[in-house]
Amino acid sequence: MRIAFDIHGVIDTLDLSKLAKKLYDEGHIIYILTSMHWSDEAEAYLLEYGFKKDFNFSLYISVADYHKELGTKIHYDERGRPRLDPETWNATKGQICYDYFIDALVDDSNVYAKYFDSDHPTMYIKFNKDTILKDIDDLLEMHMTKEPYIEIKKVVYLIKWNANYDQDAICTCGHDYKGHFNKYEGMAPDGCAKCQCGTFKLKQ
């Protein structure tokens, strides 16, 4: 099987290094699929959380590097983070999973979920520290069947704009709630239009 893990909000939130090592040693292909470019900094960040190439993961796939190879014009914010228009950026993980025949992506962001519909070959596992291990166990069990066909039960997580929520509530990114939705696309949850932070999180 081919299983991909996001970094931010996933492997830097829950210790998944031992699980990745177990899967890797059993012959599964483990990917790191994240937004940031591959660099010494990225490698050091992974090591901090117990992830090392050819030890418990096989390949690092960067959304930014993917677009760089395609020749897509990438912009960088004041912190040096790569940025594209939200629709292109958010759809890329789904395309990468398709290109690499990835069976499951473990990610914490709701903005990618809509690109993993029932017709997409990759199972999108919404990160939840209470259920993540069970989700992967269930996935492995499905793929170990001796029956003629593998029957995959998919759960697709979708988020929608809530008209009853305080539209002027401020996100941790500093921008309002309503600005995290695309009014030209039926209030699709495309992330913040001003800074592309992704998912709205109420500023406390």
N, C-alpha and C. Protein backbone atom coordinates (compact mmCIF):
# COMPACT_ATOMS: atom_id res chain seq x y z
N MET A 1 0.83 -1.20 0.00
CA MET A 1 0.00 0.00 0.00
C MET A 1 0.86 1.25 0.00
N ARG A 2 0.28 2.33 -0.45
CA ARG A 2 0.96 3.62 -0.47
C ARG A 2 0.18 4.58 0.42
N ILE A 3 0.83 5.05 1.49
CA ILE A 3 0.18 5.92 2.46
C ILE A 3 0.98 7.20 2.60
N ALA A 4 0.30 8.35 2.53
CA ALA A 4 0.96 9.65 2.64
C ALA A 4 0.52 10.36 3.92
N PHE A 5 1.48 11.00 4.57
CA PHE A 5 1.21 11.77 5.78
C PHE A 5 1.57 13.24 5.55
N ASP A 6 0.68 14.12 5.98
CA ASP A 6 0.98 15.55 6.00
C ASP A 6 1.91 15.82 7.20
N ILE A 7 2.60 16.96 7.16
CA ILE A 7 3.48 17.30 8.28
C ILE A 7 2.76 18.15 9.31
N HIS A 8 2.43 19.38 8.92
CA HIS A 8 1.91 20.36 9.88
C HIS A 8 0.50 20.00 10.32
N GLY A 9 0.35 19.80 11.61
CA GLY A 9 -0.95 19.42 12.15
C GLY A 9 -1.16 17.92 12.20
N VAL A 10 -0.21 17.15 11.66
CA VAL A 10 -0.34 15.68 11.67
C VAL A 10 0.87 15.07 12.37
N ILE A 11 1.97 14.88 11.65
CA ILE A 11 3.11 14.20 12.29
C ILE A 11 3.82 15.08 13.33
N ASP A 12 3.58 16.40 13.29
CA ASP A 12 4.16 17.25 14.34
C ASP A 12 3.16 17.48 15.48
N THR A 13 2.03 16.75 15.42
CA THR A 13 1.00 16.85 16.46
C THR A 13 0.86 15.55 17.23
N LEU A 14 0.99 14.43 16.54
CA LEU A 14 0.90 13.11 17.15
C LEU A 14 2.11 12.30 16.72
N ASP A 15 2.71 11.55 17.66
CA ASP A 15 3.88 10.74 17.33
C ASP A 15 3.47 9.57 16.43
N LEU A 16 3.69 9.73 15.14
CA LEU A 16 3.35 8.69 14.17
C LEU A 16 4.60 8.01 13.62
N SER A 17 5.77 8.33 14.18
CA SER A 17 7.02 7.80 13.64
C SER A 17 7.10 6.28 13.78
N LYS A 18 6.62 5.75 14.91
CA LYS A 18 6.67 4.30 15.12
C LYS A 18 5.69 3.57 14.19
N LEU A 19 4.53 4.16 14.00
CA LEU A 19 3.57 3.58 13.07
C LEU A 19 4.14 3.57 11.66
N ALA A 20 4.75 4.69 11.26
CA ALA A 20 5.35 4.77 9.92
C ALA A 20 6.46 3.74 9.76
N LYS A 21 7.25 3.55 10.80
CA LYS A 21 8.34 2.57 10.74
C LYS A 21 7.79 1.16 10.59
N LYS A 22 6.73 0.85 11.34
CA LYS A 22 6.11 -0.47 11.26
C LYS A 22 5.58 -0.72 9.84
N LEU A 23 4.88 0.25 9.30
CA LEU A 23 4.33 0.12 7.96
C LEU A 23 5.45 0.01 6.92
N TYR A 24 6.48 0.81 7.09
CA TYR A 24 7.62 0.81 6.17
C TYR A 24 8.31 -0.56 6.18
N ASP A 25 8.54 -1.11 7.38
CA ASP A 25 9.20 -2.41 7.51
C ASP A 25 8.35 -3.55 6.96
N GLU A 26 7.03 -3.35 6.94
CA GLU A 26 6.14 -4.37 6.39
C GLU A 26 6.03 -4.28 4.87
N GLY A 27 6.74 -3.32 4.28
CA GLY A 27 6.78 -3.22 2.83
C GLY A 27 5.86 -2.19 2.20
N HIS A 28 5.16 -1.44 3.04
CA HIS A 28 4.30 -0.39 2.51
C HIS A 28 5.15 0.82 2.12
N ILE A 29 4.69 1.58 1.14
CA ILE A 29 5.40 2.77 0.69
C ILE A 29 4.84 3.97 1.44
N ILE A 30 5.69 4.63 2.19
CA ILE A 30 5.27 5.76 3.02
C ILE A 30 5.78 7.06 2.40
N TYR A 31 4.86 8.00 2.21
CA TYR A 31 5.20 9.30 1.65
C TYR A 31 5.00 10.39 2.71
N ILE A 32 5.78 11.44 2.60
CA ILE A 32 5.48 12.69 3.29
C ILE A 32 4.97 13.63 2.21
N LEU A 33 3.75 14.10 2.36
CA LEU A 33 3.14 15.00 1.37
C LEU A 33 2.78 16.31 2.07
N THR A 34 3.51 17.35 1.73
CA THR A 34 3.37 18.62 2.44
C THR A 34 3.53 19.79 1.47
N SER A 35 3.33 20.98 1.97
CA SER A 35 3.38 22.16 1.10
C SER A 35 4.79 22.66 0.86
N MET A 36 5.66 22.58 1.87
CA MET A 36 6.94 23.28 1.78
C MET A 36 7.97 22.55 0.92
N HIS A 37 8.87 23.35 0.34
CA HIS A 37 9.95 22.81 -0.48
C HIS A 37 10.81 21.84 0.34
N TRP A 38 11.40 20.87 -0.35
CA TRP A 38 12.38 20.02 0.30
C TRP A 38 13.65 20.85 0.52
N SER A 39 14.20 20.79 1.72
CA SER A 39 15.38 21.57 2.07
C SER A 39 16.02 20.95 3.30
N ASP A 40 17.18 21.46 3.67
CA ASP A 40 17.83 21.00 4.91
C ASP A 40 16.93 21.30 6.11
N GLU A 41 16.24 22.43 6.05
CA GLU A 41 15.33 22.81 7.13
C GLU A 41 14.18 21.82 7.24
N ALA A 42 13.62 21.42 6.09
CA ALA A 42 12.53 20.44 6.10
C ALA A 42 13.02 19.09 6.62
N GLU A 43 14.21 18.70 6.21
CA GLU A 43 14.78 17.43 6.67
C GLU A 43 14.99 17.45 8.18
N ALA A 44 15.51 18.56 8.71
CA ALA A 44 15.73 18.69 10.14
C ALA A 44 14.41 18.68 10.91
N TYR A 45 13.39 19.31 10.33
CA TYR A 45 12.07 19.36 10.98
C TYR A 45 11.49 17.95 11.09
N LEU A 46 11.63 17.16 10.03
CA LEU A 46 11.15 15.78 10.05
C LEU A 46 11.90 14.95 11.08
N LEU A 47 13.22 15.13 11.15
CA LEU A 47 14.02 14.38 12.12
C LEU A 47 13.59 14.67 13.55
N GLU A 48 13.20 15.91 13.77
CA GLU A 48 12.73 16.31 15.11
C GLU A 48 11.54 15.47 15.55
N TYR A 49 10.74 15.00 14.59
CA TYR A 49 9.56 14.20 14.90
C TYR A 49 9.74 12.73 14.54
N GLY A 50 10.98 12.31 14.39
CA GLY A 50 11.28 10.88 14.23
C GLY A 50 11.15 10.34 12.82
N PHE A 51 11.13 11.22 11.81
CA PHE A 51 10.98 10.77 10.43
C PHE A 51 12.29 10.96 9.66
N LYS A 52 12.74 9.88 9.05
CA LYS A 52 13.98 9.91 8.28
C LYS A 52 13.80 9.11 7.00
N LYS A 53 14.26 9.69 5.90
CA LYS A 53 14.12 9.02 4.61
C LYS A 53 14.87 7.70 4.60
N ASP A 54 14.23 6.70 3.99
CA ASP A 54 14.76 5.34 3.89
C ASP A 54 14.88 4.65 5.25
N PHE A 55 14.24 5.24 6.26
CA PHE A 55 14.14 4.60 7.58
C PHE A 55 12.68 4.31 7.88
N ASN A 56 11.84 5.36 7.81
CA ASN A 56 10.40 5.14 7.99
C ASN A 56 9.54 5.89 6.97
N PHE A 57 10.17 6.46 5.95
CA PHE A 57 9.41 6.94 4.80
C PHE A 57 10.27 6.84 3.54
N SER A 58 9.60 6.71 2.40
CA SER A 58 10.29 6.44 1.14
C SER A 58 10.53 7.68 0.30
N LEU A 59 9.57 8.63 0.35
CA LEU A 59 9.68 9.78 -0.54
C LEU A 59 9.01 11.00 0.07
N TYR A 60 9.65 12.14 -0.09
CA TYR A 60 9.11 13.42 0.34
C TYR A 60 8.54 14.10 -0.90
N ILE A 61 7.26 14.44 -0.87
CA ILE A 61 6.62 15.11 -2.00
C ILE A 61 6.16 16.49 -1.54
N SER A 62 6.64 17.51 -2.23
CA SER A 62 6.32 18.89 -1.89
C SER A 62 5.37 19.48 -2.92
N VAL A 63 4.29 20.09 -2.45
CA VAL A 63 3.37 20.78 -3.35
C VAL A 63 4.10 21.90 -4.07
N ALA A 64 4.95 22.62 -3.33
CA ALA A 64 5.70 23.73 -3.93
C ALA A 64 6.67 23.22 -4.99
N ASP A 65 7.40 22.13 -4.70
CA ASP A 65 8.34 21.57 -5.67
C ASP A 65 7.61 21.02 -6.90
N TYR A 66 6.44 20.45 -6.66
CA TYR A 66 5.62 19.92 -7.75
C TYR A 66 5.29 21.04 -8.75
N HIS A 67 4.88 22.20 -8.23
CA HIS A 67 4.54 23.31 -9.10
C HIS A 67 5.79 23.96 -9.70
N LYS A 68 6.87 23.93 -8.96
CA LYS A 68 8.13 24.48 -9.49
C LYS A 68 8.57 23.69 -10.72
N GLU A 69 8.43 22.36 -10.65
CA GLU A 69 8.79 21.51 -11.79
C GLU A 69 7.85 21.71 -12.97
N LEU A 70 6.60 22.05 -12.68
CA LEU A 70 5.65 22.32 -13.76
C LEU A 70 5.86 23.69 -14.40
N GLY A 71 6.64 24.52 -13.72
CA GLY A 71 6.86 25.88 -14.22
C GLY A 71 5.81 26.87 -13.76
N THR A 72 4.99 26.47 -12.77
CA THR A 72 3.98 27.37 -12.23
C THR A 72 4.67 28.53 -11.51
N LYS A 73 4.17 29.73 -11.72
CA LYS A 73 4.74 30.89 -11.04
C LYS A 73 4.30 30.88 -9.58
N ILE A 74 5.27 30.81 -8.70
CA ILE A 74 5.01 30.73 -7.26
C ILE A 74 5.36 32.06 -6.61
N HIS A 75 4.49 32.53 -5.74
CA HIS A 75 4.76 33.74 -4.96
C HIS A 75 5.12 33.32 -3.54
N TYR A 76 5.82 34.17 -2.84
CA TYR A 76 6.23 33.87 -1.47
C TYR A 76 5.78 35.00 -0.54
N ASP A 77 5.26 34.62 0.62
CA ASP A 77 4.81 35.64 1.56
C ASP A 77 6.00 36.19 2.34
N GLU A 78 5.70 37.04 3.32
CA GLU A 78 6.76 37.71 4.07
C GLU A 78 7.61 36.74 4.90
N ARG A 79 7.08 35.53 5.14
CA ARG A 79 7.84 34.52 5.89
C ARG A 79 8.51 33.52 4.97
N GLY A 80 8.44 33.78 3.67
CA GLY A 80 9.10 32.91 2.71
C GLY A 80 8.33 31.66 2.36
N ARG A 81 7.03 31.62 2.70
CA ARG A 81 6.21 30.46 2.41
C ARG A 81 5.65 30.54 0.99
N PRO A 82 5.68 29.44 0.23
CA PRO A 82 5.18 29.46 -1.14
C PRO A 82 3.67 29.66 -1.19
N ARG A 83 3.20 30.41 -2.18
CA ARG A 83 1.78 30.71 -2.31
C ARG A 83 1.36 30.68 -3.78
N LEU A 84 0.18 30.11 -4.03
CA LEU A 84 -0.49 30.16 -5.33
C LEU A 84 -1.93 30.59 -5.07
N ASP A 85 -2.73 30.74 -6.13
CA ASP A 85 -4.14 30.99 -5.88
C ASP A 85 -4.73 29.78 -5.17
N PRO A 86 -5.65 29.99 -4.22
CA PRO A 86 -6.15 28.90 -3.37
C PRO A 86 -6.70 27.71 -4.13
N GLU A 87 -7.44 27.92 -5.21
CA GLU A 87 -8.05 26.80 -5.93
C GLU A 87 -6.98 25.88 -6.50
N THR A 88 -5.96 26.45 -7.11
CA THR A 88 -4.86 25.64 -7.67
C THR A 88 -4.10 24.93 -6.56
N TRP A 89 -3.77 25.68 -5.52
CA TRP A 89 -2.99 25.12 -4.41
C TRP A 89 -3.74 23.99 -3.72
N ASN A 90 -5.00 24.22 -3.40
CA ASN A 90 -5.77 23.24 -2.63
C ASN A 90 -6.06 21.96 -3.41
N ALA A 91 -6.11 22.08 -4.74
CA ALA A 91 -6.39 20.91 -5.56
C ALA A 91 -5.16 20.04 -5.80
N THR A 92 -3.99 20.57 -5.50
CA THR A 92 -2.75 19.88 -5.88
C THR A 92 -2.53 18.57 -5.14
N LYS A 93 -2.85 18.51 -3.86
CA LYS A 93 -2.62 17.26 -3.13
C LYS A 93 -3.45 16.12 -3.73
N GLY A 94 -4.67 16.44 -4.15
CA GLY A 94 -5.51 15.44 -4.80
C GLY A 94 -4.88 14.95 -6.09
N GLN A 95 -4.31 15.88 -6.86
CA GLN A 95 -3.67 15.51 -8.12
C GLN A 95 -2.41 14.69 -7.88
N ILE A 96 -1.62 15.08 -6.89
CA ILE A 96 -0.41 14.33 -6.56
C ILE A 96 -0.75 12.90 -6.14
N CYS A 97 -1.78 12.76 -5.32
CA CYS A 97 -2.19 11.42 -4.88
C CYS A 97 -2.60 10.57 -6.07
N TYR A 98 -3.26 11.21 -7.03
CA TYR A 98 -3.66 10.50 -8.25
C TYR A 98 -2.42 10.10 -9.06
N ASP A 99 -1.50 11.03 -9.21
CA ASP A 99 -0.30 10.78 -10.02
C ASP A 99 0.58 9.67 -9.43
N TYR A 100 0.64 9.60 -8.10
CA TYR A 100 1.52 8.64 -7.43
C TYR A 100 0.78 7.38 -6.97
N PHE A 101 -0.46 7.23 -7.38
CA PHE A 101 -1.26 6.04 -7.02
C PHE A 101 -1.30 5.83 -5.50
N ILE A 102 -1.46 6.92 -4.76
CA ILE A 102 -1.48 6.84 -3.30
C ILE A 102 -2.85 6.33 -2.84
N ASP A 103 -2.82 5.33 -1.96
CA ASP A 103 -4.06 4.72 -1.48
C ASP A 103 -4.76 5.55 -0.42
N ALA A 104 -3.98 6.24 0.42
CA ALA A 104 -4.59 7.02 1.50
C ALA A 104 -3.72 8.22 1.84
N LEU A 105 -4.36 9.36 2.07
CA LEU A 105 -3.69 10.56 2.55
C LEU A 105 -4.23 10.89 3.93
N VAL A 106 -3.32 11.09 4.89
CA VAL A 106 -3.70 11.51 6.24
C VAL A 106 -3.39 13.00 6.35
N ASP A 107 -4.42 13.82 6.51
CA ASP A 107 -4.23 15.27 6.51
C ASP A 107 -5.21 15.91 7.49
N ASP A 108 -4.83 17.07 8.02
CA ASP A 108 -5.68 17.72 9.02
C ASP A 108 -6.53 18.84 8.44
N SER A 109 -6.30 19.22 7.19
CA SER A 109 -7.00 20.38 6.64
C SER A 109 -8.27 20.01 5.89
N ASN A 110 -9.35 20.68 6.23
CA ASN A 110 -10.63 20.42 5.56
C ASN A 110 -10.68 20.95 4.13
N VAL A 111 -9.79 21.89 3.79
CA VAL A 111 -9.89 22.52 2.48
C VAL A 111 -9.56 21.54 1.35
N TYR A 112 -8.86 20.44 1.65
CA TYR A 112 -8.51 19.48 0.60
C TYR A 112 -9.59 18.42 0.39
N ALA A 113 -10.48 18.26 1.37
CA ALA A 113 -11.42 17.14 1.37
C ALA A 113 -12.28 17.07 0.12
N LYS A 114 -12.71 18.23 -0.40
CA LYS A 114 -13.63 18.22 -1.53
C LYS A 114 -12.98 17.68 -2.80
N TYR A 115 -11.66 17.61 -2.82
CA TYR A 115 -10.96 17.08 -4.00
C TYR A 115 -10.78 15.55 -3.93
N PHE A 116 -11.27 14.96 -2.85
CA PHE A 116 -11.21 13.51 -2.68
C PHE A 116 -12.63 12.96 -2.59
N ASP A 117 -13.38 13.13 -3.65
CA ASP A 117 -14.76 12.67 -3.65
C ASP A 117 -14.83 11.16 -3.86
N SER A 118 -16.03 10.63 -3.99
CA SER A 118 -16.20 9.17 -4.08
C SER A 118 -15.55 8.57 -5.32
N ASP A 119 -15.28 9.41 -6.33
CA ASP A 119 -14.64 8.92 -7.56
C ASP A 119 -13.12 8.97 -7.52
N HIS A 120 -12.58 9.64 -6.52
CA HIS A 120 -11.12 9.75 -6.43
C HIS A 120 -10.55 8.44 -5.87
N PRO A 121 -9.48 7.91 -6.47
CA PRO A 121 -8.95 6.61 -6.02
C PRO A 121 -8.29 6.63 -4.65
N THR A 122 -7.96 7.81 -4.15
CA THR A 122 -7.29 7.92 -2.85
C THR A 122 -8.30 8.14 -1.72
N MET A 123 -8.11 7.42 -0.61
CA MET A 123 -8.94 7.65 0.56
C MET A 123 -8.37 8.84 1.34
N TYR A 124 -9.20 9.81 1.61
CA TYR A 124 -8.78 10.97 2.40
C TYR A 124 -9.13 10.70 3.86
N ILE A 125 -8.11 10.56 4.70
CA ILE A 125 -8.34 10.30 6.12
C ILE A 125 -8.13 11.60 6.88
N LYS A 126 -9.24 12.16 7.35
CA LYS A 126 -9.17 13.41 8.12
C LYS A 126 -8.50 13.12 9.45
N PHE A 127 -7.40 13.82 9.72
CA PHE A 127 -6.62 13.56 10.92
C PHE A 127 -7.43 13.79 12.18
N ASN A 128 -7.40 12.79 13.03
CA ASN A 128 -8.03 12.85 14.34
C ASN A 128 -7.23 11.93 15.24
N LYS A 129 -6.59 12.46 16.23
CA LYS A 129 -5.69 11.67 17.05
C LYS A 129 -6.38 10.51 17.75
N ASP A 130 -7.70 10.56 17.88
CA ASP A 130 -8.42 9.48 18.55
C ASP A 130 -8.78 8.33 17.62
N THR A 131 -8.76 8.59 16.30
CA THR A 131 -9.22 7.55 15.38
C THR A 131 -8.20 7.19 14.31
N ILE A 132 -7.11 7.93 14.19
CA ILE A 132 -6.18 7.75 13.09
C ILE A 132 -5.65 6.32 13.00
N LEU A 133 -5.29 5.72 14.11
CA LEU A 133 -4.74 4.36 14.07
C LEU A 133 -5.78 3.37 13.60
N LYS A 134 -7.01 3.53 14.07
CA LYS A 134 -8.08 2.64 13.65
C LYS A 134 -8.35 2.80 12.16
N ASP A 135 -8.33 4.03 11.67
CA ASP A 135 -8.57 4.28 10.25
C ASP A 135 -7.55 3.53 9.39
N ILE A 136 -6.28 3.60 9.80
CA ILE A 136 -5.23 2.94 9.02
C ILE A 136 -5.34 1.42 9.14
N ASP A 137 -5.65 0.92 10.34
CA ASP A 137 -5.84 -0.52 10.52
C ASP A 137 -6.97 -1.03 9.63
N ASP A 138 -8.07 -0.29 9.58
CA ASP A 138 -9.21 -0.68 8.74
C ASP A 138 -8.80 -0.69 7.27
N LEU A 139 -8.01 0.31 6.88
CA LEU A 139 -7.56 0.40 5.49
C LEU A 139 -6.67 -0.79 5.14
N LEU A 140 -5.75 -1.13 6.02
CA LEU A 140 -4.86 -2.27 5.77
C LEU A 140 -5.64 -3.57 5.68
N GLU A 141 -6.62 -3.72 6.57
CA GLU A 141 -7.45 -4.93 6.57
C GLU A 141 -8.19 -5.08 5.25
N MET A 142 -8.69 -3.97 4.72
CA MET A 142 -9.39 -4.02 3.44
C MET A 142 -8.47 -4.49 2.32
N HIS A 143 -7.22 -4.05 2.36
CA HIS A 143 -6.29 -4.37 1.29
C HIS A 143 -5.65 -5.75 1.46
N MET A 144 -5.87 -6.41 2.59
CA MET A 144 -5.30 -7.74 2.82
C MET A 144 -6.28 -8.86 2.48
N THR A 145 -7.43 -8.49 1.98
CA THR A 145 -8.44 -9.50 1.67
C THR A 145 -7.96 -10.47 0.59
N LYS A 146 -8.43 -11.71 0.65
CA LYS A 146 -8.10 -12.73 -0.35
C LYS A 146 -9.22 -12.87 -1.37
N GLU A 147 -10.22 -12.00 -1.25
CA GLU A 147 -11.35 -12.04 -2.17
C GLU A 147 -10.94 -11.47 -3.54
N PRO A 148 -11.72 -11.74 -4.57
CA PRO A 148 -11.36 -11.24 -5.91
C PRO A 148 -11.28 -9.73 -6.02
N TYR A 149 -12.06 -9.00 -5.18
CA TYR A 149 -12.07 -7.55 -5.25
C TYR A 149 -11.84 -6.94 -3.87
N ILE A 150 -11.15 -5.81 -3.87
CA ILE A 150 -10.99 -5.05 -2.64
C ILE A 150 -12.18 -4.09 -2.53
N GLU A 151 -12.91 -4.18 -1.43
CA GLU A 151 -14.05 -3.30 -1.21
C GLU A 151 -13.62 -2.18 -0.26
N ILE A 152 -13.57 -0.98 -0.78
CA ILE A 152 -13.12 0.15 0.02
C ILE A 152 -14.32 1.00 0.45
N LYS A 153 -14.42 1.19 1.75
CA LYS A 153 -15.48 2.03 2.29
C LYS A 153 -14.88 3.42 2.52
N LYS A 154 -15.38 4.40 1.80
CA LYS A 154 -14.82 5.74 1.88
C LYS A 154 -15.72 6.68 2.66
N VAL A 155 -15.08 7.46 3.52
CA VAL A 155 -15.79 8.53 4.22
C VAL A 155 -15.17 9.84 3.73
N VAL A 156 -15.98 10.69 3.16
CA VAL A 156 -15.49 11.97 2.65
C VAL A 156 -15.94 13.08 3.59
N TYR A 157 -15.00 13.85 4.08
CA TYR A 157 -15.31 14.95 4.98
C TYR A 157 -15.43 16.24 4.18
N LEU A 158 -16.56 16.90 4.32
CA LEU A 158 -16.78 18.16 3.63
C LEU A 158 -17.12 19.25 4.64
N ILE A 159 -16.69 20.46 4.38
CA ILE A 159 -17.07 21.58 5.24
C ILE A 159 -17.79 22.61 4.38
N LYS A 160 -18.73 23.33 4.99
CA LYS A 160 -19.52 24.31 4.27
C LYS A 160 -19.60 25.60 5.09
N TRP A 161 -19.85 26.68 4.39
CA TRP A 161 -20.04 27.97 5.04
C TRP A 161 -21.28 27.93 5.93
N ASN A 162 -21.18 28.52 7.11
CA ASN A 162 -22.29 28.56 8.06
C ASN A 162 -22.81 29.99 8.15
N ALA A 163 -23.99 30.22 7.57
CA ALA A 163 -24.58 31.56 7.55
C ALA A 163 -24.93 32.05 8.95
N ASN A 164 -25.06 31.14 9.91
CA ASN A 164 -25.44 31.51 11.27
C ASN A 164 -24.25 31.88 12.14
N TYR A 165 -23.04 31.64 11.62
CA TYR A 165 -21.84 31.96 12.39
C TYR A 165 -21.56 33.46 12.29
N ASP A 166 -20.87 34.01 13.27
CA ASP A 166 -20.51 35.42 13.26
C ASP A 166 -19.57 35.70 12.07
N GLN A 167 -20.09 36.38 11.06
CA GLN A 167 -19.34 36.60 9.83
C GLN A 167 -18.13 37.51 10.02
N ASP A 168 -18.14 38.28 11.10
CA ASP A 168 -17.02 39.20 11.38
C ASP A 168 -16.05 38.65 12.41
N ALA A 169 -16.26 37.40 12.83
CA ALA A 169 -15.33 36.78 13.78
C ALA A 169 -13.94 36.74 13.16
N ILE A 170 -12.92 36.90 13.98
CA ILE A 170 -11.55 37.00 13.50
C ILE A 170 -10.81 35.67 13.67
N CYS A 171 -10.14 35.28 12.62
CA CYS A 171 -9.33 34.05 12.60
C CYS A 171 -7.95 34.34 13.23
N THR A 172 -7.23 33.30 13.57
CA THR A 172 -5.87 33.47 14.09
C THR A 172 -4.96 34.14 13.06
N CYS A 173 -5.37 34.12 11.79
CA CYS A 173 -4.56 34.77 10.75
C CYS A 173 -4.78 36.28 10.74
N GLY A 174 -5.81 36.74 11.49
CA GLY A 174 -6.08 38.17 11.58
C GLY A 174 -7.18 38.67 10.66
N HIS A 175 -7.80 37.77 9.89
CA HIS A 175 -8.84 38.18 8.94
C HIS A 175 -10.19 37.56 9.33
N ASP A 176 -11.27 38.13 8.79
CA ASP A 176 -12.59 37.72 9.24
C ASP A 176 -13.05 36.39 8.65
N TYR A 177 -14.08 35.85 9.30
CA TYR A 177 -14.64 34.55 8.92
C TYR A 177 -15.12 34.52 7.48
N LYS A 178 -15.92 35.54 7.09
CA LYS A 178 -16.52 35.53 5.75
C LYS A 178 -15.47 35.58 4.65
N GLY A 179 -14.30 36.12 4.98
CA GLY A 179 -13.22 36.20 4.00
C GLY A 179 -12.55 34.87 3.71
N HIS A 180 -12.95 33.83 4.46
CA HIS A 180 -12.40 32.49 4.25
C HIS A 180 -13.24 31.67 3.26
N PHE A 181 -14.21 32.34 2.63
CA PHE A 181 -15.11 31.66 1.70
C PHE A 181 -15.21 32.45 0.40
N ASN A 182 -15.36 31.74 -0.69
CA ASN A 182 -15.38 32.36 -2.01
C ASN A 182 -16.81 32.71 -2.41
N LYS A 183 -17.15 33.98 -2.35
CA LYS A 183 -18.53 34.41 -2.64
C LYS A 183 -18.89 34.21 -4.11
N TYR A 184 -17.88 34.06 -4.96
CA TYR A 184 -18.14 33.86 -6.39
C TYR A 184 -18.33 32.38 -6.72
N GLU A 185 -18.07 31.52 -5.74
CA GLU A 185 -18.21 30.08 -5.94
C GLU A 185 -19.18 29.48 -4.93
N GLY A 186 -20.25 30.22 -4.64
CA GLY A 186 -21.27 29.71 -3.71
C GLY A 186 -20.76 29.57 -2.30
N MET A 187 -19.85 30.46 -1.89
CA MET A 187 -19.24 30.44 -0.55
C MET A 187 -18.48 29.13 -0.30
N ALA A 188 -17.76 28.70 -1.30
CA ALA A 188 -16.90 27.51 -1.16
C ALA A 188 -15.78 27.82 -0.17
N PRO A 189 -15.43 26.86 0.69
CA PRO A 189 -14.41 27.08 1.72
C PRO A 189 -13.00 27.02 1.15
N ASP A 190 -12.60 28.05 0.44
CA ASP A 190 -11.31 28.04 -0.25
C ASP A 190 -10.16 28.55 0.60
N GLY A 191 -10.43 28.93 1.84
CA GLY A 191 -9.38 29.48 2.68
C GLY A 191 -9.37 31.00 2.59
N CYS A 192 -8.55 31.63 3.40
CA CYS A 192 -8.52 33.09 3.48
C CYS A 192 -8.02 33.70 2.18
N ALA A 193 -8.80 34.62 1.63
CA ALA A 193 -8.44 35.25 0.36
C ALA A 193 -7.27 36.22 0.52
N LYS A 194 -7.04 36.69 1.74
CA LYS A 194 -6.00 37.69 1.96
C LYS A 194 -4.63 37.09 2.26
N CYS A 195 -4.63 35.95 2.94
CA CYS A 195 -3.32 35.37 3.28
C CYS A 195 -3.25 33.87 2.99
N GLN A 196 -4.36 33.28 2.54
CA GLN A 196 -4.39 31.86 2.16
C GLN A 196 -3.99 30.95 3.32
N CYS A 197 -4.49 31.25 4.52
CA CYS A 197 -4.11 30.44 5.68
C CYS A 197 -4.79 29.09 5.71
N GLY A 198 -5.85 28.92 4.91
CA GLY A 198 -6.51 27.62 4.88
C GLY A 198 -7.77 27.59 5.71
N THR A 199 -7.76 26.88 6.82
CA THR A 199 -8.95 26.67 7.63
C THR A 199 -9.13 27.78 8.67
N PHE A 200 -10.37 28.28 8.81
CA PHE A 200 -10.66 29.30 9.82
C PHE A 200 -10.53 28.72 11.22
N LYS A 201 -9.76 29.41 12.06
CA LYS A 201 -9.62 29.04 13.47
C LYS A 201 -9.83 30.30 14.29
N LEU A 202 -10.83 30.28 15.14
CA LEU A 202 -11.20 31.48 15.90
C LEU A 202 -10.05 31.96 16.78
N LYS A 203 -9.77 33.26 16.67
CA LYS A 203 -8.75 33.87 17.52
C LYS A 203 -9.30 34.06 18.92
N GLN A 204 -8.59 33.54 19.88
CA GLN A 204 -9.05 33.61 21.28
C GLN A 204 -8.63 34.93 21.92
